[in-house]
């Protein structure tokens, strides 16, 4: 490899699997770029363009990355469940007092005997409640111990990227933080990259975000990547075997989280882009999308990411972003099979498809309603003009789910369906183009990251600023609003 090549790595660190596109520009960045999609080696020695986002603790406490290696897997106990607690029966004092008084009453009983009986029952009930509370407390303590043991023995980790950047139900139990798992996984990827390209390259990585969360998540992503680099280059001195042979307890002790600084970011040549921005850049840079309000939906294995955007000066402007925990794994699992088993289309249940699509419709329906409220409350533009501008708007599908037509339906007024395909690469010099073109919907984000220039050029806009250019309500000016304005 010529030493004067400028190398830029587009790292699509995915919830389900990771893809990498490498842009190489000869003559120190002044020549014509060429592209190569990185190939990983699976457990059978075959080359793959995807590295599953998986970490496994092996039976010797070392770690494996990317693939579940059943031959090296340590035994994992069943997840603990809360057992029923056998409690003493509690009672109503007045009701019990009446029953006992009637049962044992004699001619010698006095009216005050009922009060004495009630006080005795009250004392007895207090004792029963205290014993029951103690049983609850003991059972809870036992359950907590079992959960802690389970956390410590968990040996296969997935969805740590989504848990780190989005949170929610993806944050499964583990004594190792999801952030640390991201660091280890990315360190493994950096080792692979440096083994092939040396150390003289920059990384452009994508994150799920919009304008509101971009700065915070960008800093987090820089910290994670910088910590990964620190492990590779400073702790393990680029010794891949030493890294792979380290027991996870020792690796945990050596993982020192780096704090964000501009110098840290520049030192490791890191750029962080919104994933939706990166995938759309491949289209907008060639003028393949017109202006106007549009959507993109990236249906992956673990999640579906939906972004509301416009095109300005040839660049996408992301205004709104959602990441929902429904991807191809969800569709397969709810239909009663494992996505990895294949034969997807014939085994998916229609009610699961309907539920998946309803969730997308729900999000976009609420978006349209919100846009209508905003334009009615903040501008002098008639709501009907917005409805007209939103008719037949563009919806760009990408990700593995976009290969299935039953998942790429129109959503509300966004009915002009575009599925990303290999045509975006017609003008590019791409290694093994005939092969990777068949995987274009899966590899587009990685490619978009590799062609992105600098995250300083990313100018996202706040959702609240969407109609800032329109006349305000107090101006009492009625104007027409075109699709280009929106």
Protein backbone atom coordinates (compact mmCIF):
# COMPACT_ATOMS: atom_id res chain seq x y z
CA UNK A 1 0.00 0.00 0.00
CA UNK A 2 1.52 3.37 -0.96
CA UNK A 3 2.43 5.39 2.11
CA UNK A 4 0.97 8.61 0.69
CA UNK A 5 -2.59 7.30 0.53
CA UNK A 6 -5.11 9.12 2.67
CA UNK A 7 -7.27 6.46 4.34
CA UNK A 8 -10.65 7.12 5.90
CA UNK A 9 -12.67 4.38 7.60
CA UNK A 10 -16.46 4.55 7.57
CA UNK A 11 -17.40 2.55 10.67
CA UNK A 12 -21.08 1.60 10.83
CA UNK A 13 -21.12 0.22 14.37
CA UNK A 14 -24.52 -1.46 14.38
CA UNK A 15 -26.86 -2.74 17.05
CA UNK A 16 -26.99 -6.12 15.32
CA UNK A 17 -23.85 -6.15 13.17
CA UNK A 18 -21.04 -3.85 12.09
CA UNK A 19 -20.03 -2.86 8.57
CA UNK A 20 -16.92 -0.99 7.41
CA UNK A 21 -16.16 0.91 4.20
CA UNK A 22 -12.61 2.15 3.63
CA UNK A 23 -12.03 5.14 1.37
CA UNK A 24 -8.48 5.39 0.02
CA UNK A 25 -7.40 8.56 -1.80
CA UNK A 26 -3.98 8.49 -3.52
CA UNK A 27 -1.51 11.37 -3.64
CA UNK A 28 -2.15 12.46 -0.05
CA UNK A 29 -5.85 12.93 -0.67
CA UNK A 30 -5.69 14.72 -4.00
CA UNK A 31 -6.37 11.77 -6.31
CA UNK A 32 -9.53 9.94 -7.28
CA UNK A 33 -10.92 7.96 -4.31
CA UNK A 34 -11.50 4.22 -4.35
CA UNK A 35 -13.49 2.16 -1.88
CA UNK A 36 -13.23 -1.23 -0.25
CA UNK A 37 -15.65 -2.92 2.12
CA UNK A 38 -13.75 -4.61 4.92
CA UNK A 39 -14.08 -8.38 5.17
CA UNK A 40 -14.17 -10.23 8.47
CA UNK A 41 -13.29 -13.90 8.95
CA UNK A 42 -15.97 -16.00 10.63
CA UNK A 43 -15.45 -19.13 12.76
CA UNK A 44 -15.42 -21.34 9.66
CA UNK A 45 -12.73 -19.27 7.95
CA UNK A 46 -15.15 -17.68 5.46
CA UNK A 47 -15.02 -14.00 4.57
CA UNK A 48 -18.00 -11.84 5.52
CA UNK A 49 -18.80 -8.15 5.10
CA UNK A 50 -20.54 -8.10 8.48
CA UNK A 51 -19.23 -8.58 12.00
CA UNK A 52 -22.05 -9.40 14.46
CA UNK A 53 -22.10 -7.02 17.43
CA UNK A 54 -21.50 -9.81 19.93
CA UNK A 55 -19.02 -10.42 22.75
CA UNK A 56 -18.67 -13.81 24.43
CA UNK A 57 -16.91 -14.75 27.67
CA UNK A 58 -15.14 -18.05 27.02
CA UNK A 59 -14.70 -20.95 29.41
CA UNK A 60 -11.17 -19.71 30.25
CA UNK A 61 -12.49 -16.15 30.97
CA UNK A 62 -10.99 -14.70 27.79
CA UNK A 63 -13.26 -12.93 25.30
CA UNK A 64 -14.38 -13.74 21.76
CA UNK A 65 -15.78 -11.09 19.43
CA UNK A 66 -18.32 -11.12 16.64
CA UNK A 67 -19.41 -14.75 16.76
CA UNK A 68 -20.87 -17.09 19.36
CA UNK A 69 -18.33 -19.89 19.68
CA UNK A 70 -20.24 -22.73 21.34
CA UNK A 71 -17.05 -24.83 21.60
CA UNK A 72 -15.50 -22.24 23.93
CA UNK A 73 -18.63 -21.09 25.74
CA UNK A 74 -18.81 -21.42 29.50
CA UNK A 75 -21.98 -22.78 31.08
CA UNK A 76 -24.56 -20.14 31.83
CA UNK A 77 -27.30 -20.65 34.46
CA UNK A 78 -30.94 -19.91 33.83
CA UNK A 79 -32.06 -16.38 34.58
CA UNK A 80 -33.45 -16.30 38.14
CA UNK A 81 -37.18 -15.96 38.72
CA UNK A 82 -39.06 -14.67 41.73
CA UNK A 83 -40.48 -17.61 43.68
CA UNK A 84 -43.81 -17.40 45.48
CA UNK A 85 -43.48 -16.76 49.20
CA UNK A 86 -45.63 -18.89 51.53
CA UNK A 87 -47.23 -16.37 53.88
CA UNK A 88 -49.44 -16.69 56.94
CA UNK A 89 -53.01 -15.70 56.31
CA UNK A 90 -53.91 -12.21 57.49
CA UNK A 91 -57.44 -11.32 58.65
CA UNK A 92 -59.87 -8.51 59.33
CA UNK A 93 -59.87 -7.82 63.10
CA UNK A 94 -63.54 -6.84 63.46
CA UNK A 95 -64.75 -9.77 61.36
CA UNK A 96 -62.58 -12.27 63.25
CA UNK A 97 -63.60 -10.81 66.63
CA UNK A 98 -67.28 -11.26 65.79
CA UNK A 99 -66.76 -14.89 64.76
CA UNK A 100 -64.80 -15.79 67.89
CA UNK A 101 -67.17 -13.95 70.23
CA UNK A 102 -70.21 -15.72 68.76
CA UNK A 103 -68.46 -19.10 68.86
CA UNK A 104 -67.34 -18.94 72.49
CA UNK A 105 -69.92 -16.59 74.02
CA UNK A 106 -71.55 -17.62 77.34
CA UNK A 107 -73.96 -16.04 79.77
CA UNK A 108 -70.98 -14.76 81.77
CA UNK A 109 -69.52 -12.67 78.93
CA UNK A 110 -69.43 -8.90 79.38
CA UNK A 111 -69.60 -6.23 76.61
CA UNK A 112 -66.02 -5.17 77.33
CA UNK A 113 -64.88 -8.72 76.46
CA UNK A 114 -65.28 -7.80 72.76
CA UNK A 115 -62.77 -4.95 73.21
CA UNK A 116 -60.25 -7.25 74.92
CA UNK A 117 -60.70 -9.85 72.19
CA UNK A 118 -60.15 -7.20 69.48
CA UNK A 119 -56.95 -5.98 71.17
CA UNK A 120 -55.61 -9.55 71.36
CA UNK A 121 -56.39 -10.08 67.69
CA UNK A 122 -54.75 -6.78 66.82
CA UNK A 123 -51.54 -7.87 68.56
CA UNK A 124 -51.70 -11.26 66.83
CA UNK A 125 -52.18 -9.62 63.40
CA UNK A 126 -49.18 -7.36 63.98
CA UNK A 127 -47.02 -10.43 64.67
CA UNK A 128 -48.29 -12.17 61.53
CA UNK A 129 -47.58 -9.09 59.39
CA UNK A 130 -44.09 -8.78 60.84
CA UNK A 131 -43.33 -12.45 60.06
CA UNK A 132 -44.73 -12.05 56.53
CA UNK A 133 -42.62 -8.92 55.99
CA UNK A 134 -39.56 -10.83 57.16
CA UNK A 135 -40.33 -13.64 54.70
CA UNK A 136 -40.70 -11.07 51.89
CA UNK A 137 -37.42 -9.44 52.87
CA UNK A 138 -35.57 -12.76 53.00
CA UNK A 139 -37.00 -13.84 49.64
CA UNK A 140 -36.03 -10.49 48.06
CA UNK A 141 -32.51 -10.74 49.45
CA UNK A 142 -32.18 -14.28 48.09
CA UNK A 143 -33.46 -13.17 44.69
CA UNK A 144 -31.00 -10.24 44.61
CA UNK A 145 -28.14 -12.65 45.34
CA UNK A 146 -29.28 -14.94 42.54
CA UNK A 147 -29.54 -12.00 40.14
CA UNK A 148 -26.03 -10.87 41.07
CA UNK A 149 -24.70 -14.37 40.49
CA UNK A 150 -26.51 -14.46 37.16
CA UNK A 151 -25.04 -11.11 36.13
CA UNK A 152 -21.59 -12.36 36.94
CA UNK A 153 -22.08 -15.55 34.95
CA UNK A 154 -23.65 -14.03 31.83
CA UNK A 155 -21.37 -14.91 28.95
CA UNK A 156 -22.90 -13.65 25.68
CA UNK A 157 -23.60 -9.94 25.22
CA UNK A 158 -25.63 -8.27 22.47
CA UNK A 159 -27.28 -4.89 21.95
CA UNK A 160 -24.67 -3.09 24.06
CA UNK A 161 -24.40 -0.35 21.43
CA UNK A 162 -28.11 0.39 21.55
CA UNK A 163 -28.13 0.29 25.35
CA UNK A 164 -25.26 2.77 25.47
CA UNK A 165 -26.62 5.34 23.01
CA UNK A 166 -30.38 4.87 23.38
CA UNK A 167 -31.01 2.97 26.63
CA UNK A 168 -34.41 1.47 27.42
CA UNK A 169 -35.15 -2.22 27.31
CA UNK A 170 -31.88 -2.99 25.53
CA UNK A 171 -29.97 -2.46 28.77
CA UNK A 172 -29.90 -6.08 29.87
CA UNK A 173 -28.39 -7.20 33.14
CA UNK A 174 -24.62 -7.46 33.30
CA UNK A 175 -21.90 -6.58 35.78
CA UNK A 176 -19.88 -5.29 32.82
CA UNK A 177 -21.33 -1.96 31.69
CA UNK A 178 -22.65 -1.68 28.14
CA UNK A 179 -20.28 1.24 27.58
CA UNK A 180 -17.31 -0.98 28.48
CA UNK A 181 -18.56 -3.68 26.11
CA UNK A 182 -18.64 -1.05 23.33
CA UNK A 183 -15.04 -0.12 24.14
CA UNK A 184 -13.84 -3.74 23.98
CA UNK A 185 -15.72 -4.51 20.78
CA UNK A 186 -14.39 -1.40 19.03
CA UNK A 187 -10.87 -2.12 20.28
CA UNK A 188 -11.14 -5.50 18.56
CA UNK A 189 -12.24 -3.75 15.35
CA UNK A 190 -9.35 -1.28 15.57
CA UNK A 191 -6.92 -4.17 15.96
CA UNK A 192 -8.30 -5.68 12.74
CA UNK A 193 -8.04 -2.37 10.89
CA UNK A 194 -4.50 -1.64 12.05
CA UNK A 195 -3.44 -5.16 11.12
CA UNK A 196 -4.39 -4.41 7.51
CA UNK A 197 -3.92 -0.66 7.08
CA UNK A 198 -1.37 0.27 9.73
CA UNK A 199 -2.10 3.14 12.11
CA UNK A 200 -2.35 6.03 9.66
CA UNK A 201 -6.10 6.32 9.12
CA UNK A 202 -9.05 8.28 10.46
CA UNK A 203 -12.40 6.88 11.62
CA UNK A 204 -15.82 8.27 10.83
CA UNK A 205 -18.39 6.51 13.05
CA UNK A 206 -22.17 6.84 13.07
CA UNK A 207 -24.46 7.24 16.06
CA UNK A 208 -28.26 7.25 16.41
CA UNK A 209 -29.11 10.88 17.11
CA UNK A 210 -30.77 14.13 16.07
CA UNK A 211 -29.93 17.79 16.75
CA UNK A 212 -31.20 17.70 20.32
CA UNK A 213 -28.90 14.86 21.43
CA UNK A 214 -26.07 15.12 18.90
CA UNK A 215 -23.52 17.00 21.01
CA UNK A 216 -23.90 14.75 24.05
CA UNK A 217 -23.80 11.50 22.07
CA UNK A 218 -20.95 12.77 19.92
CA UNK A 219 -18.83 13.34 23.03
CA UNK A 220 -19.77 9.90 24.34
CA UNK A 221 -18.80 8.26 21.05
CA UNK A 222 -15.45 10.07 21.00
CA UNK A 223 -14.74 8.92 24.55
CA UNK A 224 -15.57 5.31 23.71
CA UNK A 225 -13.47 5.25 20.53
CA UNK A 226 -10.56 7.05 22.21
CA UNK A 227 -10.67 4.56 25.10
CA UNK A 228 -10.61 1.74 22.55
CA UNK A 229 -7.60 3.29 20.83
CA UNK A 230 -5.87 3.70 24.21
CA UNK A 231 -6.32 -0.01 24.93
CA UNK A 232 -4.96 -0.99 21.53
CA UNK A 233 -2.00 1.34 21.31
CA UNK A 234 -0.99 2.23 24.89
CA UNK A 235 -2.12 -0.66 27.08
CA UNK A 236 -1.51 -3.59 24.71
CA UNK A 237 1.08 -1.87 22.48
CA UNK A 238 -0.64 -3.16 19.32
CA UNK A 239 -0.18 -6.76 20.51
CA UNK A 240 -3.38 -8.39 19.27
CA UNK A 241 -2.64 -11.81 20.77
CA UNK A 242 -2.04 -10.31 24.20
CA UNK A 243 -5.41 -8.56 23.98
CA UNK A 244 -7.23 -11.73 22.93
CA UNK A 245 -5.56 -13.82 25.63
CA UNK A 246 -6.38 -11.40 28.44
CA UNK A 247 -8.93 -12.58 31.01
CA UNK A 248 -11.90 -10.27 31.11
CA UNK A 249 -11.40 -9.44 34.80
CA UNK A 250 -7.91 -8.12 34.03
CA UNK A 251 -9.14 -6.36 30.89
CA UNK A 252 -11.79 -4.67 33.00
CA UNK A 253 -9.15 -3.41 35.41
CA UNK A 254 -7.07 -2.01 32.52
CA UNK A 255 -9.97 -0.21 30.81
CA UNK A 256 -9.57 3.45 31.70
CA UNK A 257 -12.38 5.59 30.32
CA UNK A 258 -11.09 8.71 28.59
CA UNK A 259 -12.80 12.06 29.12
CA UNK A 260 -13.77 14.11 26.09
CA UNK A 261 -11.63 16.96 24.88
CA UNK A 262 -11.10 18.50 21.48
CA UNK A 263 -7.46 17.46 21.67
CA UNK A 264 -8.44 13.84 22.38
CA UNK A 265 -10.74 13.82 19.35
CA UNK A 266 -8.08 15.31 17.07
CA UNK A 267 -5.33 13.09 18.43
CA UNK A 268 -7.15 9.94 17.30
CA UNK A 269 -8.60 11.47 14.07
CA UNK A 270 -12.19 10.73 15.09
CA UNK A 271 -15.31 12.13 13.42
CA UNK A 272 -18.82 11.29 14.63
CA UNK A 273 -21.87 11.60 12.36
CA UNK A 274 -25.59 10.94 12.79
CA UNK A 275 -26.27 7.58 11.12
CA UNK A 276 -29.23 8.95 9.18
CA UNK A 277 -27.06 11.81 7.93
CA UNK A 278 -24.41 9.38 6.72
CA UNK A 279 -26.80 7.08 4.88
CA UNK A 280 -28.52 10.03 3.20
CA UNK A 281 -25.24 11.70 2.22
CA UNK A 282 -24.69 8.95 -0.33
CA UNK A 283 -27.90 10.07 -2.05
CA UNK A 284 -27.84 13.83 -1.55
CA UNK A 285 -24.22 14.24 -2.64
CA UNK A 286 -25.26 13.07 -6.11
CA UNK A 287 -28.50 15.06 -6.13
CA UNK A 288 -30.69 11.97 -6.09
CA UNK A 289 -33.26 13.43 -3.68
CA UNK A 290 -35.29 16.63 -4.19
CA UNK A 291 -35.91 19.23 -1.51
CA UNK A 292 -38.84 19.01 0.86
CA UNK A 293 -39.87 17.25 4.06
CA UNK A 294 -39.04 13.55 3.91
CA UNK A 295 -38.43 10.45 6.02
CA UNK A 296 -35.80 7.77 6.13
CA UNK A 297 -36.37 4.39 7.79
CA UNK A 298 -33.39 2.12 8.45
CA UNK A 299 -34.71 -1.35 9.31
CA UNK A 300 -31.91 -3.31 10.91
CA UNK A 301 -31.63 -6.57 12.79
CA UNK A 302 -32.11 -5.03 16.22
CA UNK A 303 -33.89 -1.72 15.68
CA UNK A 304 -35.70 0.47 13.20
CA UNK A 305 -34.39 4.04 13.05
CA UNK A 306 -36.69 6.68 11.59
CA UNK A 307 -35.56 10.23 10.81
CA UNK A 308 -37.48 13.28 9.60
CA UNK A 309 -35.30 15.44 7.35
CA UNK A 310 -35.12 18.08 4.66
CA UNK A 311 -32.51 18.74 1.97
CA UNK A 312 -30.70 22.08 2.09
CA UNK A 313 -27.77 23.02 -0.16
CA UNK A 314 -27.39 19.40 -1.16
CA UNK A 315 -27.06 18.17 2.44
CA UNK A 316 -29.58 16.39 4.66
CA UNK A 317 -30.90 18.28 7.68
CA UNK A 318 -32.14 15.90 10.40
CA UNK A 319 -34.90 17.40 12.55
CA UNK A 320 -36.36 14.42 14.37
CA UNK A 321 -35.12 10.93 15.19
CA UNK A 322 -36.61 7.80 16.73
CA UNK A 323 -35.00 4.43 17.38
CA UNK A 324 -37.55 1.74 18.16
CA UNK A 325 -36.61 -1.76 19.43
CA UNK A 326 -38.21 -3.52 16.48
CA UNK A 327 -36.09 -4.95 13.73
CA UNK A 328 -35.83 -8.23 11.85
CA UNK A 329 -34.99 -10.12 15.05
CA UNK A 330 -38.22 -8.83 16.61
CA UNK A 331 -40.30 -9.87 13.60
CA UNK A 332 -38.74 -13.34 13.55
CA UNK A 333 -38.89 -13.88 17.32
CA UNK A 334 -42.57 -12.87 17.54
CA UNK A 335 -43.28 -15.24 14.66
CA UNK A 336 -41.70 -18.11 16.58
CA UNK A 337 -38.31 -18.63 14.94
CA UNK A 338 -34.73 -17.35 15.03
CA UNK A 339 -33.83 -14.81 12.33
CA UNK A 340 -30.48 -16.58 11.84
CA UNK A 341 -32.35 -19.73 10.73
CA UNK A 342 -33.21 -18.11 7.41
CA UNK A 343 -36.33 -18.76 5.29
CA UNK A 344 -37.61 -15.43 6.60
CA UNK A 345 -40.47 -14.52 4.29
CA UNK A 346 -42.30 -17.85 4.53
CA UNK A 347 -42.35 -17.96 8.34
CA UNK A 348 -43.28 -14.42 9.34
CA UNK A 349 -46.78 -14.08 10.79
CA UNK A 350 -49.04 -11.45 9.28
CA UNK A 351 -50.17 -10.16 12.67
CA UNK A 352 -46.52 -9.50 13.60
CA UNK A 353 -45.97 -7.60 10.34
CA UNK A 354 -49.10 -5.56 11.04
CA UNK A 355 -47.93 -4.72 14.55
CA UNK A 356 -44.49 -3.73 13.27
CA UNK A 357 -45.97 -1.44 10.61
CA UNK A 358 -48.51 0.04 13.05
CA UNK A 359 -45.68 1.22 15.28
CA UNK A 360 -44.10 3.10 12.38
CA UNK A 361 -47.46 4.61 11.45
CA UNK A 362 -48.07 5.67 15.05
CA UNK A 363 -44.79 7.61 15.18
CA UNK A 364 -45.29 9.35 11.85
CA UNK A 365 -48.97 10.08 12.48
CA UNK A 366 -48.01 11.85 15.70
CA UNK A 367 -45.27 13.70 13.83
CA UNK A 368 -47.72 15.02 11.23
CA UNK A 369 -50.19 16.06 13.94
CA UNK A 370 -47.38 17.84 15.79
CA UNK A 371 -46.33 19.64 12.60
CA UNK A 372 -49.89 20.78 12.09
CA UNK A 373 -50.06 22.16 15.64
CA UNK A 374 -46.74 23.94 15.22
CA UNK A 375 -47.63 25.62 11.96
CA UNK A 376 -51.07 26.61 13.31
CA UNK A 377 -49.72 28.02 16.59
CA UNK A 378 -46.49 29.61 15.37
CA UNK A 379 -47.09 30.85 11.82
CA UNK A 380 -49.67 32.59 9.69
CA UNK A 381 -49.64 29.73 7.16
CA UNK A 382 -52.94 27.83 6.79
CA UNK A 383 -52.73 24.24 8.00
CA UNK A 384 -54.18 23.07 4.69
CA UNK A 385 -51.04 24.32 2.96
CA UNK A 386 -48.94 22.04 5.16
CA UNK A 387 -51.19 19.09 4.37
CA UNK A 388 -50.72 19.82 0.67
CA UNK A 389 -46.95 20.08 1.10
CA UNK A 390 -46.84 16.72 2.88
CA UNK A 391 -48.74 14.83 0.21
CA UNK A 392 -46.79 12.08 -1.55
CA UNK A 393 -43.56 12.90 0.27
CA UNK A 394 -40.41 10.81 -0.01
CA UNK A 395 -39.70 7.86 2.29
CA UNK A 396 -36.22 6.35 1.94
CA UNK A 397 -35.79 2.78 3.18
CA UNK A 398 -32.44 1.18 3.96
CA UNK A 399 -31.08 -1.65 6.11
CA UNK A 400 -31.71 -5.37 5.85
CA UNK A 401 -35.44 -4.97 6.38
CA UNK A 402 -35.79 -2.90 3.22
CA UNK A 403 -35.28 -6.08 1.18
CA UNK A 404 -38.73 -7.26 2.30
CA UNK A 405 -41.57 -5.45 0.56
CA UNK A 406 -44.06 -6.14 3.33
CA UNK A 407 -41.93 -3.98 5.67
CA UNK A 408 -41.39 -1.10 3.23
CA UNK A 409 -44.91 0.26 3.06
CA UNK A 410 -45.95 3.90 2.81
CA UNK A 411 -46.33 5.69 6.14
CA UNK A 412 -49.13 8.25 6.37
CA UNK A 413 -48.49 10.96 3.74
CA UNK A 414 -44.98 9.67 2.98
CA UNK A 415 -45.91 7.53 0.00
CA UNK A 416 -43.06 8.08 -2.48
CA UNK A 417 -41.01 4.99 -1.59
CA UNK A 418 -37.28 4.90 -2.36
CA UNK A 419 -35.23 1.82 -1.47
CA UNK A 420 -31.49 2.46 -1.52
CA UNK A 421 -29.81 0.32 -4.15
CA UNK A 422 -26.47 -0.07 -5.87
CA UNK A 423 -27.14 2.78 -8.31
CA UNK A 424 -25.60 5.13 -5.76
CA UNK A 425 -22.24 3.51 -6.59
CA UNK A 426 -22.44 3.73 -10.37
CA UNK A 427 -19.87 6.52 -10.52
CA UNK A 428 -17.55 5.14 -7.81
CA UNK A 429 -14.46 2.94 -7.98
CA UNK A 430 -15.42 0.15 -5.57
CA UNK A 431 -13.55 -3.11 -5.09
CA UNK A 432 -15.68 -6.19 -5.86
CA UNK A 433 -18.52 -3.91 -6.93
CA UNK A 434 -20.55 -6.73 -8.48
CA UNK A 435 -20.59 -8.59 -5.16
CA UNK A 436 -21.13 -5.71 -2.74
CA UNK A 437 -23.78 -4.14 -4.97
CA UNK A 438 -26.07 -6.99 -3.98
CA UNK A 439 -25.65 -5.87 -0.36
CA UNK A 440 -26.07 -2.14 -1.00
CA UNK A 441 -29.02 -1.68 1.37
CA UNK A 442 -26.89 -3.05 4.20
CA UNK A 443 -23.65 -1.29 3.35
CA UNK A 444 -24.91 2.19 2.46
CA UNK A 445 -24.37 3.77 5.88
CA UNK A 446 -20.77 2.54 6.02
CA UNK A 447 -20.20 3.98 2.55
CA UNK A 448 -21.87 7.27 3.50
CA UNK A 449 -19.59 7.53 6.53
CA UNK A 450 -16.51 6.97 4.40
CA UNK A 451 -17.43 9.86 2.06
CA UNK A 452 -18.37 12.24 4.89
CA UNK A 453 -15.72 14.92 5.30
CA UNK A 454 -15.79 16.41 8.80
CA UNK A 455 -18.32 16.32 11.61
CA UNK A 456 -17.71 20.07 12.00
CA UNK A 457 -19.63 20.43 8.73
CA UNK A 458 -22.69 18.68 10.16
CA UNK A 459 -25.31 21.34 10.80
CA UNK A 460 -28.36 19.72 12.27
CA UNK A 461 -31.39 21.85 13.00
CA UNK A 462 -33.65 21.81 16.01
CA UNK A 463 -37.19 20.61 15.58
CA UNK A 464 -38.43 23.94 16.96
CA UNK A 465 -36.66 25.83 14.14
CA UNK A 466 -38.40 23.95 11.34
CA UNK A 467 -40.77 26.79 10.50
CA UNK A 468 -38.52 29.65 11.62
CA UNK A 469 -38.25 31.00 8.06
CA UNK A 470 -42.02 31.36 7.70
CA UNK A 471 -44.03 34.46 8.68
CA UNK A 472 -45.01 34.42 12.34
CA UNK A 473 -48.61 34.23 13.45
CA UNK A 474 -48.58 37.75 14.86
CA UNK A 475 -47.57 39.13 11.45
CA UNK A 476 -51.06 38.28 10.18
CA UNK A 477 -49.65 37.54 6.74
CA UNK A 478 -51.19 34.74 4.75
CA UNK A 479 -48.80 33.20 2.25
CA UNK A 480 -48.67 30.04 0.25
CA UNK A 481 -46.24 27.36 1.39
CA UNK A 482 -44.62 25.19 -1.23
CA UNK A 483 -42.97 21.79 -0.95
CA UNK A 484 -39.64 23.50 -1.51
CA UNK A 485 -40.24 25.80 1.47
CA UNK A 486 -41.01 22.78 3.65
